[in-house]
Amino acid sequence: MEMIKAKWVSIVALAAIFLVVILVPAAEAVTCSPMQLSPCASAITSSSQTSALCCAKLKEQKPCLCGYMRNRSLRRFVSSPNARKVSNRCKLPIPRC
């Protein structure tokens, strides 16, 4: 009887682990690289059109934006008025860091 109970517990534990693996999506790792935002460079520096590629890259790099804002070399680009306009056009709120 004890052996059947142990097998049952093992099966339930495996089923729970399987459900967690299936139902919880894996977080994709983002490589923080300001160069990934190069499609946005002209929109940020000269107020030109914002491309779909720029918006896609900006959304992809969203987890990195606070790090860029803390970087003295990048802060002036990431938090400039034009960068805010690009962010608004891409419907991506600027994070509070």
C-alpha atoms as a PDB file:
ATOM      1  CA  MET A   1       0.000   0.000   0.000  1.00  0.00           C
ATOM      2  CA  GLU A   2       2.865   2.366   0.855  1.00  0.00           C
ATOM      3  CA  MET A   3       4.476   1.722  -2.549  1.00  0.00           C
ATOM      4  CA  ILE A   4       1.273   2.604  -4.417  1.00  0.00           C
ATOM      5  CA  LYS A   5       0.961   5.821  -2.430  1.00  0.00           C
ATOM      6  CA  ALA A   6       4.597   6.766  -3.226  1.00  0.00           C
ATOM      7  CA  LYS A   7       4.026   6.136  -6.943  1.00  0.00           C
ATOM      8  CA  TRP A   8       0.843   8.226  -6.848  1.00  0.00           C
ATOM      9  CA  VAL A   9       2.683  11.141  -5.211  1.00  0.00           C
ATOM     10  CA  SER A  10       5.458  10.864  -7.794  1.00  0.00           C
ATOM     11  CA  ILE A  11       2.968  10.893 -10.673  1.00  0.00           C
ATOM     12  CA  VAL A  12       1.156  13.932  -9.263  1.00  0.00           C
ATOM     13  CA  ALA A  13       4.463  15.761  -8.736  1.00  0.00           C
ATOM     14  CA  LEU A  14       5.584  15.013 -12.292  1.00  0.00           C
ATOM     15  CA  ALA A  15       2.223  16.147 -13.667  1.00  0.00           C
ATOM     16  CA  ALA A  16       2.494  19.415 -11.708  1.00  0.00           C
ATOM     17  CA  ILE A  17       6.005  20.056 -13.004  1.00  0.00           C
ATOM     18  CA  PHE A  18       4.880  19.266 -16.545  1.00  0.00           C
ATOM     19  CA  LEU A  19       1.988  21.744 -16.269  1.00  0.00           C
ATOM     20  CA  VAL A  20       4.269  24.478 -14.967  1.00  0.00           C
ATOM     21  CA  VAL A  21       6.714  23.931 -17.816  1.00  0.00           C
ATOM     22  CA  ILE A  22       3.903  23.976 -20.400  1.00  0.00           C
ATOM     23  CA  LEU A  23       1.778  26.804 -18.990  1.00  0.00           C
ATOM     24  CA  VAL A  24       4.461  29.242 -17.821  1.00  0.00           C
ATOM     25  CA  PRO A  25       6.055  30.826 -20.886  1.00  0.00           C
ATOM     26  CA  ALA A  26       9.811  31.013 -20.869  1.00  0.00           C
ATOM     27  CA  ALA A  27      11.124  34.551 -20.603  1.00  0.00           C
ATOM     28  CA  GLU A  28      13.151  35.435 -23.620  1.00  0.00           C
ATOM     29  CA  ALA A  29      16.500  36.880 -22.783  1.00  0.00           C
ATOM     30  CA  VAL A  30      17.108  40.296 -24.270  1.00  0.00           C
ATOM     31  CA  THR A  31      20.611  41.310 -25.188  1.00  0.00           C
ATOM     32  CA  CYS A  32      20.902  44.934 -24.161  1.00  0.00           C
ATOM     33  CA  SER A  33      22.674  46.671 -26.976  1.00  0.00           C
ATOM     34  CA  PRO A  34      22.055  50.323 -27.804  1.00  0.00           C
ATOM     35  CA  MET A  35      23.079  49.495 -31.381  1.00  0.00           C
ATOM     36  CA  GLN A  36      19.782  47.597 -31.659  1.00  0.00           C
ATOM     37  CA  LEU A  37      18.093  51.007 -31.582  1.00  0.00           C
ATOM     38  CA  SER A  38      19.937  52.244 -34.671  1.00  0.00           C
ATOM     39  CA  PRO A  39      16.718  52.130 -36.764  1.00  0.00           C
ATOM     40  CA  CYS A  40      15.456  54.885 -34.422  1.00  0.00           C
ATOM     41  CA  ALA A  41      18.546  57.101 -34.709  1.00  0.00           C
ATOM     42  CA  SER A  42      17.230  59.474 -37.361  1.00  0.00           C
ATOM     43  CA  ALA A  43      13.844  59.796 -35.635  1.00  0.00           C
ATOM     44  CA  ILE A  44      15.530  60.578 -32.308  1.00  0.00           C
ATOM     45  CA  THR A  45      18.169  62.964 -33.607  1.00  0.00           C
ATOM     46  CA  SER A  46      16.198  64.835 -36.265  1.00  0.00           C
ATOM     47  CA  SER A  47      12.521  64.274 -35.564  1.00  0.00           C
ATOM     48  CA  SER A  48      12.027  62.345 -38.817  1.00  0.00           C
ATOM     49  CA  GLN A  49       9.462  59.584 -39.377  1.00  0.00           C
ATOM     50  CA  THR A  50       9.373  56.655 -36.973  1.00  0.00           C
ATOM     51  CA  SER A  51       9.539  53.335 -38.810  1.00  0.00           C
ATOM     52  CA  ALA A  52       7.857  50.077 -37.884  1.00  0.00           C
ATOM     53  CA  LEU A  53      11.333  48.562 -37.476  1.00  0.00           C
ATOM     54  CA  CYS A  54      12.230  51.314 -35.010  1.00  0.00           C
ATOM     55  CA  CYS A  55       9.112  50.590 -32.943  1.00  0.00           C
ATOM     56  CA  ALA A  56       9.808  46.851 -33.008  1.00  0.00           C
ATOM     57  CA  LYS A  57      13.388  47.356 -31.837  1.00  0.00           C
ATOM     58  CA  LEU A  58      12.312  49.851 -29.177  1.00  0.00           C
ATOM     59  CA  LYS A  59       9.770  47.370 -27.786  1.00  0.00           C
ATOM     60  CA  GLU A  60      12.366  44.602 -27.915  1.00  0.00           C
ATOM     61  CA  GLN A  61      14.843  46.740 -25.959  1.00  0.00           C
ATOM     62  CA  LYS A  62      12.247  47.934 -23.402  1.00  0.00           C
ATOM     63  CA  PRO A  63      13.815  45.927 -20.521  1.00  0.00           C
ATOM     64  CA  CYS A  64      17.101  47.725 -21.238  1.00  0.00           C
ATOM     65  CA  LEU A  65      15.831  51.317 -21.300  1.00  0.00           C
ATOM     66  CA  CYS A  66      16.447  52.034 -17.607  1.00  0.00           C
ATOM     67  CA  GLY A  67      20.027  50.861 -17.999  1.00  0.00           C
ATOM     68  CA  TYR A  68      20.431  53.161 -20.994  1.00  0.00           C
ATOM     69  CA  MET A  69      19.000  56.063 -18.977  1.00  0.00           C
ATOM     70  CA  ARG A  70      21.566  55.453 -16.225  1.00  0.00           C
ATOM     71  CA  ASN A  71      24.414  55.499 -18.742  1.00  0.00           C
ATOM     72  CA  ARG A  72      25.794  59.048 -19.051  1.00  0.00           C
ATOM     73  CA  SER A  73      26.683  58.576 -22.713  1.00  0.00           C
ATOM     74  CA  LEU A  74      23.233  57.318 -23.686  1.00  0.00           C
ATOM     75  CA  ARG A  75      20.976  59.278 -21.333  1.00  0.00           C
ATOM     76  CA  ARG A  76      20.790  62.368 -23.542  1.00  0.00           C
ATOM     77  CA  PHE A  77      19.500  60.283 -26.449  1.00  0.00           C
ATOM     78  CA  VAL A  78      17.104  58.034 -24.543  1.00  0.00           C
ATOM     79  CA  SER A  79      15.484  60.791 -22.501  1.00  0.00           C
ATOM     80  CA  SER A  80      15.503  63.564 -25.115  1.00  0.00           C
ATOM     81  CA  PRO A  81      12.237  65.216 -26.218  1.00  0.00           C
ATOM     82  CA  ASN A  82      12.532  63.516 -29.621  1.00  0.00           C
ATOM     83  CA  ALA A  83      13.032  60.120 -27.948  1.00  0.00           C
ATOM     84  CA  ARG A  84       9.833  60.745 -25.998  1.00  0.00           C
ATOM     85  CA  LYS A  85       8.030  61.544 -29.255  1.00  0.00           C
ATOM     86  CA  VAL A  86       9.315  58.321 -30.810  1.00  0.00           C
ATOM     87  CA  SER A  87       8.198  56.391 -27.746  1.00  0.00           C
ATOM     88  CA  ASN A  88       4.738  57.950 -27.972  1.00  0.00           C
ATOM     89  CA  ARG A  89       4.485  57.174 -31.701  1.00  0.00           C
ATOM     90  CA  CYS A  90       5.400  53.567 -30.958  1.00  0.00           C
ATOM     91  CA  LYS A  91       2.836  53.464 -28.125  1.00  0.00           C
ATOM     92  CA  LEU A  92       5.523  52.473 -25.672  1.00  0.00           C
ATOM     93  CA  PRO A  93       5.435  54.306 -22.336  1.00  0.00           C
ATOM     94  CA  ILE A  94       8.767  55.540 -21.063  1.00  0.00           C
ATOM     95  CA  PRO A  95       9.633  53.501 -17.970  1.00  0.00           C
ATOM     96  CA  ARG A  96      10.028  55.122 -14.589  1.00  0.00           C
ATOM     97  CA  CYS A  97      13.444  54.135 -13.401  1.00  0.00           C
END
